[in-house]
Structure formats: structure tokens, C-alpha cells
């Protein structure tokens, strides 16, 4: 299911929700431990896992963008800056695993927004694949299908 996009007073939010058949601790590890993080988002690296700490984004050109951790509640919430925006992961225990919610707060949609939204969608799919020990070789194919869907969803929201 696509992320739910909503307009807010400050811009927009994209909300993704996944019900995973794995405990919070295992999912949290994929969000915060560099060896697991690299498996689904190779450009990210946690440098200081604490509020005010840093996550670095490797721009693949020898430079790094520093993203500040805004909120950290162990195995519950990880929120950090994402350029001008914010990304927030929330984990909730469920009887047979946990619920993972990703909320991206977007100040303003740009030409790059559909790419990012499709990218986050695929990233969450890959986390689930890794947890289930399934191959995720078709990342680019998945993204290619999702990208126009997010572009259309943004167009409908901003033209309303």
C-alpha cells in the first residue's frame, strides 16, 4: 500500500505503516545498527545514537550530509532531520511482532519528492525482506513501478 500523503499547516506528511512478524528489538536493530542499516540503505551511517547525535548520508562524491537526531526513545522512536524535512520511525509491539510507522514531514514538494517517497517505500519493503530472509534483488524494478504512482499522488494532492 502506498504511503498516505496529507497536507498540514507546515507542508505535508507521508505516512507508511507496516505490520512485521518480528519483535521490536529485531526491527530496531535494522534502524540503528550500522551493519544492518547498510543492508537496506547503504548511504546511511549512525555516528552518535543519541538525541542531538548524528546520522551521516554518504553523497557518493566524497562528501557527507549530517542529519541531526531530533528524538530518540530506545526501541520506540527515532527521528532525524532529512535536509529541510524530518524522518520519524515509530515502533509499536503487537501480539505477533510489531508495527513500524515511518512518517516523513515534508516542508515542500519538489521534483525529487516522488523519487524519495518511492525510495522510502522500497526501503521498508527491503527491511521486511531482510527480516523474512527473502531476496530483494528487484529494488530498481519495485522503485520503477512506485515512482509514477507517487508522482501522481502528489499531483492529485497539490491540485486539490
N, C-alpha and C. Protein backbone atom coordinates (compact mmCIF):
# COMPACT_ATOMS: atom_id res chain seq x y z
N UNK A 1 0.84 -1.18 0.00
CA UNK A 1 0.00 0.00 0.00
C UNK A 1 0.89 1.25 0.00
N UNK A 2 0.51 2.23 -0.79
CA UNK A 2 1.26 3.48 -0.86
C UNK A 2 1.18 4.23 0.47
N UNK A 3 2.15 5.09 0.70
CA UNK A 3 2.11 5.97 1.86
C UNK A 3 0.88 6.87 1.76
N UNK A 4 0.36 7.25 2.89
CA UNK A 4 -0.75 8.19 2.94
C UNK A 4 -0.15 9.60 2.98
N UNK A 5 -0.46 10.41 1.99
CA UNK A 5 0.03 11.78 1.93
C UNK A 5 -1.07 12.72 2.42
N UNK A 6 -0.67 13.66 3.27
CA UNK A 6 -1.63 14.64 3.78
C UNK A 6 -1.00 16.02 3.81
N UNK A 7 -1.82 17.02 3.55
CA UNK A 7 -1.37 18.39 3.69
C UNK A 7 -1.53 18.80 5.15
N UNK A 8 -0.56 19.56 5.66
CA UNK A 8 -0.60 20.07 7.03
C UNK A 8 -0.39 21.58 6.97
N UNK A 9 -0.47 22.21 8.11
CA UNK A 9 -0.23 23.66 8.17
C UNK A 9 1.20 24.01 7.77
N UNK A 10 2.14 23.09 8.05
CA UNK A 10 3.56 23.35 7.77
C UNK A 10 4.03 22.78 6.43
N UNK A 11 3.18 22.05 5.74
CA UNK A 11 3.58 21.42 4.48
C UNK A 11 2.80 20.13 4.25
N UNK A 12 3.51 18.99 4.32
CA UNK A 12 2.89 17.71 4.04
C UNK A 12 3.51 16.63 4.92
N UNK A 13 2.78 15.52 5.04
CA UNK A 13 3.35 14.32 5.66
C UNK A 13 3.10 13.14 4.74
N UNK A 14 4.03 12.21 4.79
CA UNK A 14 3.89 10.91 4.14
C UNK A 14 3.97 9.88 5.25
N UNK A 15 2.94 9.04 5.37
CA UNK A 15 2.89 8.06 6.47
C UNK A 15 2.82 6.66 5.88
N UNK A 16 3.84 5.87 6.21
CA UNK A 16 3.91 4.48 5.81
C UNK A 16 3.66 3.62 7.05
N UNK A 17 2.98 2.51 6.88
CA UNK A 17 2.72 1.62 8.00
C UNK A 17 2.95 0.18 7.56
N UNK A 18 3.71 -0.55 8.37
CA UNK A 18 3.97 -1.97 8.09
C UNK A 18 3.73 -2.77 9.36
N UNK A 19 3.10 -3.90 9.23
CA UNK A 19 2.95 -4.85 10.34
C UNK A 19 3.94 -5.98 10.06
N UNK A 20 4.91 -6.10 10.92
CA UNK A 20 6.01 -7.05 10.74
C UNK A 20 5.88 -8.19 11.75
N UNK A 21 6.21 -9.37 11.31
CA UNK A 21 6.11 -10.55 12.16
C UNK A 21 7.41 -10.78 12.94
N UNK A 22 7.97 -9.71 13.45
CA UNK A 22 9.24 -9.75 14.18
C UNK A 22 9.16 -8.80 15.36
N UNK A 23 9.89 -9.11 16.44
CA UNK A 23 9.82 -8.26 17.64
C UNK A 23 10.46 -6.90 17.40
N UNK A 24 10.03 -5.94 18.20
CA UNK A 24 10.54 -4.57 18.14
C UNK A 24 12.07 -4.56 18.15
N UNK A 25 12.69 -5.35 19.01
CA UNK A 25 14.15 -5.34 19.15
C UNK A 25 14.84 -5.64 17.83
N UNK A 26 14.31 -6.60 17.10
CA UNK A 26 14.93 -7.01 15.83
C UNK A 26 14.77 -5.91 14.77
N UNK A 27 13.59 -5.29 14.72
CA UNK A 27 13.35 -4.22 13.75
C UNK A 27 14.20 -2.99 14.11
N UNK A 28 14.26 -2.66 15.40
CA UNK A 28 15.06 -1.53 15.87
C UNK A 28 16.52 -1.68 15.42
N UNK A 29 17.03 -2.89 15.48
CA UNK A 29 18.42 -3.13 15.07
C UNK A 29 18.64 -2.72 13.61
N UNK A 30 17.65 -2.96 12.75
CA UNK A 30 17.79 -2.57 11.34
C UNK A 30 17.75 -1.05 11.15
N UNK A 31 17.20 -0.34 12.10
CA UNK A 31 17.15 1.12 12.02
C UNK A 31 18.38 1.79 12.62
N UNK A 32 19.08 1.10 13.53
CA UNK A 32 20.11 1.78 14.33
C UNK A 32 21.50 1.14 14.31
N UNK A 33 21.61 -0.10 13.91
CA UNK A 33 22.92 -0.77 13.90
C UNK A 33 23.49 -0.70 12.48
N UNK A 34 24.68 -0.10 12.37
CA UNK A 34 25.23 0.19 11.05
C UNK A 34 25.36 -1.03 10.14
N UNK A 35 25.73 -2.19 10.69
CA UNK A 35 25.88 -3.36 9.84
C UNK A 35 24.54 -3.78 9.22
N UNK A 36 23.45 -3.60 9.94
CA UNK A 36 22.11 -3.92 9.42
C UNK A 36 21.55 -2.76 8.59
N UNK A 37 21.79 -1.54 9.02
CA UNK A 37 21.34 -0.36 8.30
C UNK A 37 21.90 -0.35 6.88
N UNK A 38 23.15 -0.69 6.72
CA UNK A 38 23.80 -0.70 5.40
C UNK A 38 23.14 -1.67 4.44
N UNK A 39 22.46 -2.68 4.97
CA UNK A 39 21.85 -3.70 4.10
C UNK A 39 20.59 -3.18 3.40
N UNK A 40 19.96 -2.14 3.95
CA UNK A 40 18.76 -1.61 3.29
C UNK A 40 18.92 -0.15 2.86
N UNK A 41 19.94 0.56 3.38
CA UNK A 41 20.18 1.95 2.96
C UNK A 41 21.68 2.19 3.10
N UNK A 42 22.41 1.79 2.07
CA UNK A 42 23.87 1.74 2.16
C UNK A 42 24.53 3.10 2.37
N UNK A 43 23.84 4.19 2.05
CA UNK A 43 24.44 5.52 2.21
C UNK A 43 24.36 6.06 3.64
N UNK A 44 23.58 5.43 4.50
CA UNK A 44 23.40 5.93 5.86
C UNK A 44 24.34 5.26 6.85
N UNK A 45 24.78 6.05 7.84
CA UNK A 45 25.60 5.52 8.93
C UNK A 45 25.30 6.31 10.20
N UNK A 46 24.96 5.58 11.26
CA UNK A 46 24.72 6.22 12.55
C UNK A 46 26.08 6.50 13.17
N UNK A 47 26.32 7.78 13.47
CA UNK A 47 27.59 8.14 14.09
C UNK A 47 27.45 8.26 15.60
N UNK A 48 26.36 8.87 16.07
CA UNK A 48 26.11 9.02 17.50
C UNK A 48 24.63 8.76 17.74
N UNK A 49 24.32 7.60 18.32
CA UNK A 49 22.93 7.22 18.56
C UNK A 49 22.47 7.79 19.89
N UNK A 50 22.07 9.08 19.83
CA UNK A 50 21.55 9.79 20.99
C UNK A 50 20.85 11.04 20.48
N UNK A 51 19.94 11.59 21.28
CA UNK A 51 19.31 12.85 20.86
C UNK A 51 20.42 13.89 20.69
N UNK A 52 20.36 14.61 19.59
CA UNK A 52 21.40 15.55 19.25
C UNK A 52 22.56 14.90 18.51
N UNK A 53 22.55 13.57 18.43
CA UNK A 53 23.59 12.83 17.74
C UNK A 53 23.45 12.95 16.23
N UNK A 54 24.30 12.21 15.53
CA UNK A 54 24.37 12.35 14.07
C UNK A 54 24.13 11.04 13.34
N UNK A 55 23.50 11.19 12.19
CA UNK A 55 23.45 10.15 11.18
C UNK A 55 24.04 10.81 9.94
N UNK A 56 24.95 10.11 9.28
CA UNK A 56 25.59 10.68 8.09
C UNK A 56 25.06 10.01 6.84
N UNK A 57 24.86 10.85 5.81
CA UNK A 57 24.44 10.39 4.50
C UNK A 57 25.62 10.57 3.55
N UNK A 58 26.10 9.46 3.00
CA UNK A 58 27.21 9.48 2.06
C UNK A 58 26.67 9.91 0.69
N UNK A 59 27.09 11.08 0.24
CA UNK A 59 26.59 11.63 -1.02
C UNK A 59 27.23 10.94 -2.23
N UNK A 60 28.11 9.99 -2.00
CA UNK A 60 28.77 9.21 -3.06
C UNK A 60 29.70 10.05 -3.94
N UNK A 61 30.07 11.23 -3.41
CA UNK A 61 31.01 12.07 -4.15
C UNK A 61 32.15 12.54 -3.25
N UNK A 62 32.32 11.83 -2.14
CA UNK A 62 33.36 12.19 -1.18
C UNK A 62 32.87 13.11 -0.07
N UNK A 63 31.60 13.54 -0.15
CA UNK A 63 31.05 14.42 0.89
C UNK A 63 29.94 13.69 1.64
N UNK A 64 29.63 14.22 2.82
CA UNK A 64 28.60 13.63 3.67
C UNK A 64 27.65 14.72 4.14
N UNK A 65 26.38 14.40 4.19
CA UNK A 65 25.40 15.31 4.78
C UNK A 65 25.13 14.80 6.19
N UNK A 66 25.18 15.71 7.16
CA UNK A 66 24.93 15.34 8.54
C UNK A 66 23.47 15.59 8.88
N UNK A 67 22.86 14.57 9.45
CA UNK A 67 21.46 14.67 9.85
C UNK A 67 21.42 14.54 11.37
N UNK A 68 20.77 15.46 12.01
CA UNK A 68 20.73 15.53 13.47
C UNK A 68 19.58 14.68 14.00
N UNK A 69 19.85 13.87 15.02
CA UNK A 69 18.80 13.08 15.67
C UNK A 69 18.01 14.01 16.58
N UNK A 70 16.72 14.15 16.27
CA UNK A 70 15.84 15.07 16.99
C UNK A 70 15.18 14.40 18.19
N UNK A 71 14.84 13.11 18.05
CA UNK A 71 14.20 12.39 19.15
C UNK A 71 14.65 10.94 19.09
N UNK A 72 14.94 10.41 20.27
CA UNK A 72 15.35 9.01 20.39
C UNK A 72 14.75 8.45 21.67
N UNK A 73 13.86 7.48 21.50
CA UNK A 73 13.32 6.71 22.62
C UNK A 73 13.64 5.26 22.28
N UNK A 74 14.49 4.65 23.08
CA UNK A 74 15.05 3.34 22.77
C UNK A 74 13.95 2.35 22.38
N UNK A 75 14.09 1.78 21.19
CA UNK A 75 13.20 0.78 20.62
C UNK A 75 11.76 1.26 20.47
N UNK A 76 11.58 2.59 20.42
CA UNK A 76 10.26 3.17 20.21
C UNK A 76 10.25 4.22 19.11
N UNK A 77 11.17 5.21 19.20
CA UNK A 77 11.16 6.35 18.27
C UNK A 77 12.58 6.72 17.86
N UNK A 78 12.75 6.93 16.57
CA UNK A 78 13.97 7.50 16.03
C UNK A 78 13.54 8.55 15.01
N UNK A 79 13.87 9.81 15.30
CA UNK A 79 13.51 10.90 14.39
C UNK A 79 14.75 11.73 14.11
N UNK A 80 14.94 12.07 12.82
CA UNK A 80 16.11 12.88 12.47
C UNK A 80 15.79 13.79 11.30
N UNK A 81 16.65 14.79 11.13
CA UNK A 81 16.48 15.72 10.02
C UNK A 81 16.78 14.99 8.72
N UNK A 82 16.16 15.48 7.67
CA UNK A 82 16.36 14.92 6.33
C UNK A 82 16.36 16.11 5.38
N UNK A 83 17.52 16.77 5.28
CA UNK A 83 17.57 18.03 4.55
C UNK A 83 16.73 19.05 5.30
N UNK A 84 15.77 19.65 4.61
CA UNK A 84 14.84 20.61 5.24
C UNK A 84 13.67 19.91 5.94
N UNK A 85 13.61 18.60 5.81
CA UNK A 85 12.47 17.84 6.30
C UNK A 85 12.89 16.97 7.50
N UNK A 86 11.98 16.12 7.96
CA UNK A 86 12.28 15.18 9.05
C UNK A 86 11.75 13.81 8.67
N UNK A 87 12.43 12.79 9.21
CA UNK A 87 12.03 11.40 9.07
C UNK A 87 11.86 10.85 10.48
N UNK A 88 10.75 10.16 10.71
CA UNK A 88 10.45 9.63 12.04
C UNK A 88 10.01 8.17 11.91
N UNK A 89 10.71 7.29 12.63
CA UNK A 89 10.33 5.89 12.73
C UNK A 89 9.73 5.66 14.10
N UNK A 90 8.60 4.98 14.13
CA UNK A 90 7.96 4.61 15.39
C UNK A 90 7.72 3.11 15.38
N UNK A 91 7.96 2.46 16.51
CA UNK A 91 7.74 1.01 16.64
C UNK A 91 6.77 0.75 17.77
N UNK A 92 5.80 -0.13 17.51
CA UNK A 92 4.79 -0.50 18.50
C UNK A 92 4.70 -2.01 18.58
N UNK A 93 4.85 -2.58 19.77
CA UNK A 93 4.71 -4.04 19.91
C UNK A 93 3.29 -4.47 19.54
N UNK A 94 3.20 -5.62 18.90
CA UNK A 94 1.92 -6.24 18.58
C UNK A 94 2.01 -7.71 19.01
N UNK A 95 0.88 -8.40 19.12
CA UNK A 95 0.90 -9.78 19.60
C UNK A 95 1.84 -10.71 18.82
N UNK A 96 1.96 -10.51 17.50
CA UNK A 96 2.79 -11.40 16.70
C UNK A 96 3.92 -10.64 16.00
N UNK A 97 4.46 -9.63 16.65
CA UNK A 97 5.54 -8.85 16.05
C UNK A 97 5.45 -7.40 16.45
N UNK A 98 5.49 -6.52 15.46
CA UNK A 98 5.39 -5.09 15.76
C UNK A 98 4.87 -4.33 14.56
N UNK A 99 4.43 -3.12 14.84
CA UNK A 99 4.01 -2.18 13.79
C UNK A 99 5.13 -1.17 13.63
N UNK A 100 5.55 -0.96 12.40
CA UNK A 100 6.56 0.03 12.05
C UNK A 100 5.85 1.15 11.29
N UNK A 101 5.99 2.36 11.79
CA UNK A 101 5.44 3.53 11.11
C UNK A 101 6.60 4.45 10.75
N UNK A 102 6.61 4.89 9.52
CA UNK A 102 7.57 5.89 9.06
C UNK A 102 6.77 7.10 8.63
N UNK A 103 7.10 8.24 9.21
CA UNK A 103 6.45 9.50 8.84
C UNK A 103 7.53 10.46 8.35
N UNK A 104 7.40 10.88 7.11
CA UNK A 104 8.30 11.92 6.60
C UNK A 104 7.51 13.21 6.60
N UNK A 105 8.04 14.22 7.28
CA UNK A 105 7.46 15.55 7.28
C UNK A 105 8.16 16.33 6.18
N UNK A 106 7.38 16.80 5.23
CA UNK A 106 7.91 17.42 4.02
C UNK A 106 7.46 18.88 3.99
N UNK A 107 8.41 19.77 4.03
CA UNK A 107 8.08 21.19 4.02
C UNK A 107 7.43 21.59 2.71
N UNK A 108 8.03 21.13 1.60
CA UNK A 108 7.52 21.50 0.27
C UNK A 108 7.87 20.38 -0.70
N UNK A 109 6.91 20.00 -1.53
CA UNK A 109 7.19 19.00 -2.56
C UNK A 109 8.08 19.62 -3.63
N UNK A 110 9.01 18.82 -4.12
CA UNK A 110 9.90 19.22 -5.21
C UNK A 110 9.84 18.14 -6.29
N UNK A 111 10.58 18.35 -7.36
CA UNK A 111 10.66 17.33 -8.41
C UNK A 111 11.27 16.03 -7.87
N UNK A 112 12.04 16.14 -6.80
CA UNK A 112 12.70 14.98 -6.21
C UNK A 112 11.78 14.20 -5.27
N UNK A 113 10.70 14.79 -4.81
CA UNK A 113 9.83 14.16 -3.80
C UNK A 113 9.29 12.79 -4.22
N UNK A 114 8.78 12.61 -5.44
CA UNK A 114 8.28 11.28 -5.81
C UNK A 114 9.38 10.22 -5.75
N UNK A 115 10.60 10.60 -6.09
CA UNK A 115 11.73 9.66 -6.01
C UNK A 115 11.99 9.26 -4.58
N UNK A 116 11.99 10.25 -3.68
CA UNK A 116 12.22 9.96 -2.26
C UNK A 116 11.11 9.08 -1.69
N UNK A 117 9.86 9.40 -2.00
CA UNK A 117 8.74 8.63 -1.46
C UNK A 117 8.78 7.19 -1.96
N UNK A 118 9.05 7.01 -3.24
CA UNK A 118 9.18 5.65 -3.77
C UNK A 118 10.38 4.95 -3.13
N UNK A 119 11.44 5.71 -2.89
CA UNK A 119 12.63 5.14 -2.25
C UNK A 119 12.36 4.66 -0.84
N UNK A 120 11.67 5.47 -0.04
CA UNK A 120 11.32 5.04 1.33
C UNK A 120 10.43 3.80 1.28
N UNK A 121 9.51 3.78 0.35
CA UNK A 121 8.61 2.63 0.22
C UNK A 121 9.43 1.35 -0.03
N UNK A 122 10.36 1.43 -0.98
CA UNK A 122 11.20 0.27 -1.29
C UNK A 122 12.08 -0.09 -0.09
N UNK A 123 12.61 0.91 0.60
CA UNK A 123 13.43 0.64 1.78
C UNK A 123 12.67 -0.16 2.82
N UNK A 124 11.41 0.21 3.06
CA UNK A 124 10.60 -0.54 4.03
C UNK A 124 10.34 -1.96 3.53
N UNK A 125 10.11 -2.11 2.23
CA UNK A 125 9.96 -3.45 1.67
C UNK A 125 11.22 -4.28 1.89
N UNK A 126 12.37 -3.66 1.69
CA UNK A 126 13.64 -4.37 1.83
C UNK A 126 13.88 -4.76 3.30
N UNK A 127 13.54 -3.88 4.24
CA UNK A 127 13.65 -4.25 5.65
C UNK A 127 12.83 -5.51 5.92
N UNK A 128 11.61 -5.52 5.40
CA UNK A 128 10.76 -6.71 5.59
C UNK A 128 11.38 -7.94 4.93
N UNK A 129 11.92 -7.77 3.73
CA UNK A 129 12.59 -8.89 3.05
C UNK A 129 13.75 -9.42 3.88
N UNK A 130 14.56 -8.51 4.43
CA UNK A 130 15.70 -8.92 5.24
C UNK A 130 15.25 -9.67 6.48
N UNK A 131 14.22 -9.16 7.14
CA UNK A 131 13.70 -9.83 8.33
C UNK A 131 13.18 -11.22 8.00
N UNK A 132 12.56 -11.36 6.83
CA UNK A 132 11.99 -12.64 6.40
C UNK A 132 13.01 -13.52 5.68
N UNK A 133 14.23 -12.99 5.52
CA UNK A 133 15.31 -13.69 4.82
C UNK A 133 14.92 -14.05 3.38
N UNK A 134 14.25 -13.08 2.73
CA UNK A 134 13.88 -13.21 1.32
C UNK A 134 14.83 -12.37 0.48
N UNK A 135 15.09 -12.77 -0.73
CA UNK A 135 15.91 -11.93 -1.61
C UNK A 135 15.17 -10.64 -1.97
N UNK A 136 15.92 -9.58 -2.16
CA UNK A 136 15.32 -8.31 -2.58
C UNK A 136 16.13 -7.74 -3.74
N UNK A 137 16.31 -8.58 -4.74
CA UNK A 137 17.12 -8.22 -5.91
C UNK A 137 16.41 -7.26 -6.86
N UNK A 138 15.11 -7.09 -6.69
CA UNK A 138 14.33 -6.30 -7.64
C UNK A 138 14.05 -4.88 -7.15
N UNK A 139 14.95 -4.30 -6.38
CA UNK A 139 14.73 -2.96 -5.82
C UNK A 139 14.44 -1.92 -6.90
N UNK A 140 15.24 -1.93 -7.95
CA UNK A 140 15.05 -0.93 -9.03
C UNK A 140 13.73 -1.14 -9.74
N UNK A 141 13.35 -2.39 -9.94
CA UNK A 141 12.06 -2.67 -10.58
C UNK A 141 10.91 -2.19 -9.71
N UNK A 142 10.98 -2.46 -8.41
CA UNK A 142 9.94 -2.01 -7.49
C UNK A 142 9.84 -0.49 -7.53
N UNK A 143 11.01 0.17 -7.46
CA UNK A 143 11.04 1.63 -7.47
C UNK A 143 10.41 2.17 -8.76
N UNK A 144 10.73 1.55 -9.89
CA UNK A 144 10.21 2.00 -11.19
C UNK A 144 8.69 1.94 -11.27
N UNK A 145 8.09 0.99 -10.58
CA UNK A 145 6.64 0.88 -10.54
C UNK A 145 6.05 1.94 -9.61
N UNK A 146 6.71 2.15 -8.46
CA UNK A 146 6.18 3.06 -7.44
C UNK A 146 6.36 4.54 -7.78
N UNK A 147 7.46 4.89 -8.42
CA UNK A 147 7.76 6.29 -8.70
C UNK A 147 6.61 7.03 -9.39
N UNK A 148 6.07 6.51 -10.50
CA UNK A 148 4.96 7.25 -11.14
C UNK A 148 3.70 7.29 -10.27
N UNK A 149 3.50 6.28 -9.44
CA UNK A 149 2.33 6.28 -8.56
C UNK A 149 2.45 7.41 -7.53
N UNK A 150 3.65 7.61 -6.98
CA UNK A 150 3.84 8.71 -6.03
C UNK A 150 3.79 10.06 -6.73
N UNK A 151 4.30 10.13 -7.95
CA UNK A 151 4.22 11.39 -8.71
C UNK A 151 2.75 11.77 -8.93
N UNK A 152 1.93 10.76 -9.27
CA UNK A 152 0.50 11.03 -9.49
C UNK A 152 -0.20 11.39 -8.19
N UNK A 153 0.16 10.72 -7.12
CA UNK A 153 -0.46 11.01 -5.82
C UNK A 153 -0.16 12.44 -5.39
N UNK A 154 1.08 12.88 -5.56
CA UNK A 154 1.45 14.26 -5.23
C UNK A 154 0.68 15.24 -6.10
N UNK A 155 0.57 14.95 -7.38
CA UNK A 155 -0.16 15.84 -8.30
C UNK A 155 -1.61 15.99 -7.87
N UNK A 156 -2.25 14.87 -7.49
CA UNK A 156 -3.65 14.95 -7.06
C UNK A 156 -3.79 15.78 -5.78
N UNK A 157 -2.85 15.61 -4.85
CA UNK A 157 -2.93 16.32 -3.59
C UNK A 157 -2.70 17.82 -3.77
N UNK A 158 -1.73 18.18 -4.59
CA UNK A 158 -1.38 19.59 -4.74
C UNK A 158 -2.34 20.33 -5.68
N UNK A 159 -3.11 19.61 -6.48
CA UNK A 159 -4.08 20.24 -7.39
C UNK A 159 -5.46 20.33 -6.77
N UNK A 160 -5.63 19.69 -5.61
CA UNK A 160 -6.96 19.66 -4.97
C UNK A 160 -7.33 21.02 -4.41
